[in-house]
């Protein structure tokens, strides 16, 4: 997956997210950086700075639920799956906390789903992404995220 900076995103924010992703290398529940481009090109093409991240086959938790709903399989995402996702997110927040940071933008769009199976909710794998708003501080509570996922 290639991530390009949002329009108006200052170079400093892009560089900060790149720095955070480099610090989080090896954190099991934080998306992993595979590469980055500075945006400079020798081919005279206009290329934006970009991050190359590991691929999340199901996209964000919002994407997964939208897909299941579109396919008429929304009931396959149970409360047990929600609990598994929250556990994965809590592990990711703990890993960031060990680095001395809090996420600061915890919402369903920033939780990527790497494994989902309707029969084995406990095997659901999810990771945090979008680290550009990380800042030093205590770990966030997942209560609001839990409520937001249930509302989807």
Protein backbone atom coordinates (compact mmCIF):
# COMPACT_ATOMS: atom_id res chain seq x y z
CA UNK A 1 0.00 0.00 0.00
CA UNK A 2 1.40 3.41 -0.95
CA UNK A 3 0.31 6.38 1.14
CA UNK A 4 0.64 9.89 -0.22
CA UNK A 5 0.44 12.97 2.01
CA UNK A 6 -2.97 14.61 2.18
CA UNK A 7 -3.26 17.94 0.37
CA UNK A 8 -1.95 20.70 2.59
CA UNK A 9 0.03 18.28 4.73
CA UNK A 10 3.20 20.09 5.68
CA UNK A 11 6.49 18.40 4.94
CA UNK A 12 7.22 18.43 8.68
CA UNK A 13 4.14 16.29 9.40
CA UNK A 14 5.12 13.84 6.68
CA UNK A 15 8.64 13.63 8.08
CA UNK A 16 7.24 13.14 11.59
CA UNK A 17 5.04 10.24 10.48
CA UNK A 18 8.03 8.70 8.70
CA UNK A 19 10.08 9.08 11.90
CA UNK A 20 7.31 7.48 13.99
CA UNK A 21 6.99 4.56 11.57
CA UNK A 22 10.75 4.02 11.76
CA UNK A 23 10.58 4.04 15.57
CA UNK A 24 7.70 1.54 15.48
CA UNK A 25 9.58 -1.03 13.40
CA UNK A 26 8.91 -4.41 14.98
CA UNK A 27 5.82 -3.26 16.90
CA UNK A 28 3.42 -6.12 16.18
CA UNK A 29 0.24 -4.04 16.25
CA UNK A 30 1.46 -0.95 14.39
CA UNK A 31 1.52 -0.94 10.59
CA UNK A 32 5.05 -1.50 9.31
CA UNK A 33 6.98 0.77 6.98
CA UNK A 34 8.39 -0.99 3.92
CA UNK A 35 9.88 2.06 2.24
CA UNK A 36 9.56 5.77 1.58
CA UNK A 37 10.09 8.20 -1.26
CA UNK A 38 11.27 11.74 -0.73
CA UNK A 39 9.31 12.90 -3.74
CA UNK A 40 12.42 13.80 -5.70
CA UNK A 41 12.59 12.18 -9.09
CA UNK A 42 15.32 12.00 -11.68
CA UNK A 43 12.81 11.29 -14.45
CA UNK A 44 11.44 14.86 -14.51
CA UNK A 45 8.10 13.62 -13.25
CA UNK A 46 6.20 15.35 -10.50
CA UNK A 47 6.20 12.84 -7.69
CA UNK A 48 4.83 13.46 -4.20
CA UNK A 49 6.58 12.16 -1.10
CA UNK A 50 5.11 8.76 -0.24
CA UNK A 51 5.21 6.01 2.34
CA UNK A 52 5.11 2.35 1.38
CA UNK A 53 3.35 0.33 4.07
CA UNK A 54 2.50 -3.33 4.47
CA UNK A 55 -0.75 -4.28 2.78
CA UNK A 56 -3.85 -4.73 4.95
CA UNK A 57 -5.98 -7.15 2.89
CA UNK A 58 -9.25 -5.99 4.43
CA UNK A 59 -8.44 -2.26 4.61
CA UNK A 60 -9.62 -0.37 7.67
CA UNK A 61 -12.25 -1.70 10.06
CA UNK A 62 -14.70 0.65 8.30
CA UNK A 63 -13.80 -0.86 4.90
CA UNK A 64 -14.28 -4.40 6.23
CA UNK A 65 -17.69 -3.68 7.72
CA UNK A 66 -18.81 -1.80 4.59
CA UNK A 67 -17.75 -4.75 2.42
CA UNK A 68 -19.55 -7.26 4.63
CA UNK A 69 -22.67 -5.09 4.61
CA UNK A 70 -22.55 -4.68 0.82
CA UNK A 71 -22.24 -8.47 0.42
CA UNK A 72 -25.11 -9.08 2.84
CA UNK A 73 -22.81 -10.68 5.40
CA UNK A 74 -22.76 -7.94 8.06
CA UNK A 75 -23.79 -10.45 10.75
CA UNK A 76 -20.43 -12.23 10.28
CA UNK A 77 -18.75 -9.38 12.19
CA UNK A 78 -19.77 -10.26 15.76
CA UNK A 79 -19.15 -8.74 19.17
CA UNK A 80 -16.35 -11.27 19.55
CA UNK A 81 -14.68 -9.71 16.50
CA UNK A 82 -15.09 -6.23 18.02
CA UNK A 83 -13.45 -7.47 21.23
CA UNK A 84 -10.57 -9.00 19.25
CA UNK A 85 -10.01 -5.74 17.34
CA UNK A 86 -10.03 -3.73 20.58
CA UNK A 87 -7.50 -6.14 22.10
CA UNK A 88 -5.24 -5.69 19.07
CA UNK A 89 -5.60 -1.89 19.27
CA UNK A 90 -4.80 -1.93 23.00
CA UNK A 91 -1.64 -3.92 22.25
CA UNK A 92 -0.68 -1.33 19.61
CA UNK A 93 -1.31 1.53 22.04
CA UNK A 94 0.83 -0.25 24.64
CA UNK A 95 3.63 -0.61 22.08
CA UNK A 96 3.48 3.10 21.24
CA UNK A 97 3.43 3.91 24.95
CA UNK A 98 6.65 1.93 25.42
CA UNK A 99 8.15 4.29 22.85
CA UNK A 100 6.83 7.21 24.93
CA UNK A 101 3.98 8.23 22.61
CA UNK A 102 0.19 8.27 22.42
CA UNK A 103 -1.67 7.91 19.10
CA UNK A 104 -3.99 10.98 19.37
CA UNK A 105 -6.19 10.04 16.37
CA UNK A 106 -7.81 6.80 17.46
CA UNK A 107 -10.81 6.06 15.24
CA UNK A 108 -12.04 3.12 13.13
CA UNK A 109 -10.47 4.53 9.94
CA UNK A 110 -7.03 4.25 11.58
CA UNK A 111 -7.33 0.56 12.45
CA UNK A 112 -6.26 -1.73 9.59
CA UNK A 113 -7.48 -5.34 9.44
CA UNK A 114 -4.91 -7.94 8.39
CA UNK A 115 -6.87 -11.13 9.11
CA UNK A 116 -10.59 -11.72 9.45
CA UNK A 117 -12.53 -14.98 9.55
CA UNK A 118 -16.14 -15.29 10.65
CA UNK A 119 -15.47 -18.63 12.38
CA UNK A 120 -12.44 -17.57 14.41
CA UNK A 121 -12.92 -14.07 15.84
CA UNK A 122 -10.04 -14.61 18.28
CA UNK A 123 -7.65 -14.84 15.31
CA UNK A 124 -8.62 -11.39 14.00
CA UNK A 125 -5.49 -9.30 13.45
CA UNK A 126 -5.51 -5.51 13.34
CA UNK A 127 -2.89 -2.78 13.46
CA UNK A 128 -2.80 0.95 14.12
CA UNK A 129 -1.93 3.34 11.32
CA UNK A 130 -1.79 7.10 10.74
CA UNK A 131 0.86 8.07 13.27
CA UNK A 132 1.23 11.70 12.19
CA UNK A 133 -0.63 12.97 15.27
CA UNK A 134 1.38 10.97 17.81
CA UNK A 135 2.70 12.96 20.73
CA UNK A 136 4.37 12.25 24.04
CA UNK A 137 1.85 11.39 26.72
CA UNK A 138 -0.20 8.70 28.43
CA UNK A 139 -1.97 5.95 26.51
CA UNK A 140 -5.51 6.61 25.25
CA UNK A 141 -8.58 4.79 26.45
CA UNK A 142 -10.28 2.60 23.83
CA UNK A 143 -13.85 3.19 25.06
CA UNK A 144 -14.70 5.74 22.37
CA UNK A 145 -13.21 3.52 19.64
CA UNK A 146 -15.22 0.54 20.92
CA UNK A 147 -18.42 2.62 20.76
CA UNK A 148 -17.55 3.90 17.26
CA UNK A 149 -17.01 0.37 15.91
CA UNK A 150 -20.29 -0.82 17.44
CA UNK A 151 -22.07 2.10 15.77
CA UNK A 152 -20.86 1.10 12.29
